[in-house]
């Protein structure tokens, strides 16, 4: 079997952040080591179609890449969760689905929670009387991965565009 072409792209940090080493192969493997985390994903040939894998990566939008590189991991978003709970309590009050006393009690629970981690969520879930309260929790990608996509990934995109243009010339 013929070994696939391996591409290596390295970037130095800018203002003391954003260094990264990318390894890509022609069969659909991406591996990244960076100061914003380490990521790896493999796309089977049928998953990205014909042509150069690097061109496939250029076609991918950031939300798709976050879902792949994040491996389905997510983290509680404390501020969004707290806002979601407050909006729910206000809606219940407006629709007269709860008493003012009940709403005050639920609101007072929020003073003691920032929802910065799953243990804080678990404590709040034990205190609240809101039905199906877990549905009010908001999750998002790991902040480290978001920073990687904002600060490092665009540099790879520029490099790939340049390299592919050179190869085509």
Protein backbone atom coordinates (compact mmCIF):
# COMPACT_ATOMS: atom_id res chain seq x y z
CA UNK A 1 0.00 0.00 0.00
CA UNK A 2 1.27 3.48 -0.87
CA UNK A 3 1.69 5.81 2.08
CA UNK A 4 -0.49 8.92 1.86
CA UNK A 5 0.99 12.35 1.40
CA UNK A 6 1.49 14.03 4.76
CA UNK A 7 1.20 17.79 5.10
CA UNK A 8 2.68 19.67 8.06
CA UNK A 9 1.94 23.30 8.82
CA UNK A 10 3.42 25.01 11.87
CA UNK A 11 2.58 28.43 13.24
CA UNK A 12 4.43 30.42 15.87
CA UNK A 13 2.59 32.25 18.59
CA UNK A 14 1.40 35.79 18.04
CA UNK A 15 1.52 37.96 21.16
CA UNK A 16 2.38 34.86 23.21
CA UNK A 17 -0.57 32.76 22.06
CA UNK A 18 -1.74 30.79 19.08
CA UNK A 19 1.12 28.44 18.27
CA UNK A 20 0.01 25.29 16.50
CA UNK A 21 1.27 22.34 14.50
CA UNK A 22 -1.17 20.81 12.02
CA UNK A 23 -0.71 17.39 10.43
CA UNK A 24 -3.01 16.41 7.58
CA UNK A 25 -2.86 13.41 5.33
CA UNK A 26 -4.35 12.86 1.92
CA UNK A 27 -6.73 10.20 3.33
CA UNK A 28 -8.65 12.60 5.58
CA UNK A 29 -6.81 12.77 8.90
CA UNK A 30 -6.31 16.03 10.78
CA UNK A 31 -4.23 16.25 13.94
CA UNK A 32 -3.47 19.48 15.81
CA UNK A 33 -1.23 20.28 18.75
CA UNK A 34 -1.63 23.86 19.98
CA UNK A 35 -1.65 26.05 23.03
CA UNK A 36 -5.46 26.12 22.67
CA UNK A 37 -5.71 22.35 22.96
CA UNK A 38 -4.99 19.23 20.96
CA UNK A 39 -7.49 17.93 18.43
CA UNK A 40 -7.73 15.01 16.07
CA UNK A 41 -10.36 13.83 13.64
CA UNK A 42 -10.51 11.50 10.67
CA UNK A 43 -13.03 11.81 7.87
CA UNK A 44 -13.53 8.63 5.87
CA UNK A 45 -13.19 9.15 2.14
CA UNK A 46 -16.96 9.02 1.65
CA UNK A 47 -17.33 11.75 4.25
CA UNK A 48 -15.55 14.40 2.25
CA UNK A 49 -15.77 13.18 -1.31
CA UNK A 50 -13.26 13.31 -4.11
CA UNK A 51 -10.45 15.76 -4.42
CA UNK A 52 -7.87 17.18 -2.07
CA UNK A 53 -8.63 16.84 1.65
CA UNK A 54 -7.21 20.31 2.18
CA UNK A 55 -9.88 21.76 -0.11
CA UNK A 56 -12.51 19.92 1.91
CA UNK A 57 -11.24 21.63 5.08
CA UNK A 58 -11.53 25.01 3.39
CA UNK A 59 -15.19 24.27 2.55
CA UNK A 60 -16.06 23.42 6.17
CA UNK A 61 -17.68 26.08 8.30
CA UNK A 62 -16.53 26.68 11.86
CA UNK A 63 -19.60 25.23 13.58
CA UNK A 64 -19.14 21.94 11.71
CA UNK A 65 -15.45 21.83 12.61
CA UNK A 66 -16.19 22.62 16.27
CA UNK A 67 -18.59 19.67 16.38
CA UNK A 68 -15.97 17.37 14.87
CA UNK A 69 -12.91 18.59 16.76
CA UNK A 70 -14.79 18.92 20.03
CA UNK A 71 -15.80 15.27 19.91
CA UNK A 72 -19.30 16.10 21.11
CA UNK A 73 -17.98 17.54 24.36
CA UNK A 74 -19.67 20.65 25.62
CA UNK A 75 -19.55 22.81 28.70
CA UNK A 76 -22.22 24.54 30.73
CA UNK A 77 -22.65 28.18 29.76
CA UNK A 78 -23.27 29.81 33.15
CA UNK A 79 -24.54 33.23 32.07
CA UNK A 80 -26.85 31.80 29.38
CA UNK A 81 -28.19 29.18 31.81
CA UNK A 82 -28.93 31.78 34.48
CA UNK A 83 -30.68 33.98 31.89
CA UNK A 84 -32.70 31.00 30.64
CA UNK A 85 -33.91 30.23 34.16
CA UNK A 86 -34.84 33.85 34.85
CA UNK A 87 -36.79 34.07 31.59
CA UNK A 88 -38.61 30.84 32.44
CA UNK A 89 -39.61 32.11 35.91
CA UNK A 90 -40.80 35.41 34.41
CA UNK A 91 -42.83 33.60 31.76
CA UNK A 92 -44.48 31.37 34.40
CA UNK A 93 -45.39 34.46 36.44
CA UNK A 94 -46.70 36.33 33.40
CA UNK A 95 -48.86 33.38 32.42
CA UNK A 96 -49.96 32.97 36.05
CA UNK A 97 -48.64 29.40 36.15
CA UNK A 98 -47.00 29.99 39.52
CA UNK A 99 -47.49 32.10 42.62
CA UNK A 100 -45.45 35.20 43.40
CA UNK A 101 -44.06 33.44 46.48
CA UNK A 102 -42.94 30.42 44.45
CA UNK A 103 -41.30 32.70 41.84
CA UNK A 104 -39.48 34.67 44.60
CA UNK A 105 -38.17 31.45 46.11
CA UNK A 106 -36.92 30.19 42.76
CA UNK A 107 -35.36 33.56 41.97
CA UNK A 108 -33.60 33.61 45.34
CA UNK A 109 -31.95 30.25 44.57
CA UNK A 110 -30.19 31.92 41.65
CA UNK A 111 -28.23 34.28 43.95
CA UNK A 112 -26.09 31.36 45.07
CA UNK A 113 -25.33 29.81 41.69
CA UNK A 114 -23.14 30.89 38.78
CA UNK A 115 -23.56 27.59 36.88
CA UNK A 116 -19.86 27.52 36.04
CA UNK A 117 -19.60 23.73 36.31
CA UNK A 118 -21.76 20.64 36.42
CA UNK A 119 -21.51 20.32 40.20
CA UNK A 120 -23.13 23.74 40.65
CA UNK A 121 -25.87 22.71 38.23
CA UNK A 122 -26.42 19.51 40.24
CA UNK A 123 -26.81 21.48 43.49
CA UNK A 124 -29.30 23.86 41.88
CA UNK A 125 -31.27 20.95 40.40
CA UNK A 126 -31.57 19.55 43.92
CA UNK A 127 -32.95 22.86 45.22
CA UNK A 128 -35.31 23.94 42.48
CA UNK A 129 -38.95 22.98 42.16
CA UNK A 130 -39.04 23.88 38.45
CA UNK A 131 -40.34 20.94 36.44
CA UNK A 132 -37.81 19.52 33.98
CA UNK A 133 -35.33 22.17 35.12
CA UNK A 134 -32.42 20.49 33.30
CA UNK A 135 -33.99 21.64 30.02
CA UNK A 136 -33.19 25.23 31.02
CA UNK A 137 -29.45 24.57 31.11
CA UNK A 138 -27.49 25.93 28.14
CA UNK A 139 -24.35 24.27 26.87
CA UNK A 140 -21.74 25.25 24.32
CA UNK A 141 -18.35 24.22 23.02
CA UNK A 142 -15.30 24.27 25.26
CA UNK A 143 -13.97 27.85 25.47
CA UNK A 144 -10.50 26.61 24.54
CA UNK A 145 -11.83 25.19 21.26
CA UNK A 146 -13.71 28.42 20.52
CA UNK A 147 -10.48 30.39 21.01
CA UNK A 148 -8.63 27.93 18.76
CA UNK A 149 -11.20 28.43 16.00
CA UNK A 150 -11.07 32.22 16.34
CA UNK A 151 -7.32 32.71 16.65
CA UNK A 152 -5.54 29.77 15.03
CA UNK A 153 -7.82 28.16 12.44
CA UNK A 154 -8.00 31.29 10.23
CA UNK A 155 -4.21 31.19 9.91
CA UNK A 156 -4.39 27.61 8.60
CA UNK A 157 -7.10 28.62 6.13
CA UNK A 158 -4.89 31.39 4.72
CA UNK A 159 -1.93 29.02 4.50
CA UNK A 160 -3.99 26.34 2.72
CA UNK A 161 -5.32 28.87 0.20
CA UNK A 162 -1.78 30.07 -0.51
CA UNK A 163 -0.33 26.55 -0.82
CA UNK A 164 -3.14 25.29 -3.05
CA UNK A 165 -2.83 28.37 -5.30
CA UNK A 166 0.94 27.77 -5.60
CA UNK A 167 0.38 24.10 -6.43
CA UNK A 168 -2.17 25.01 -9.09
CA UNK A 169 0.19 27.53 -10.76
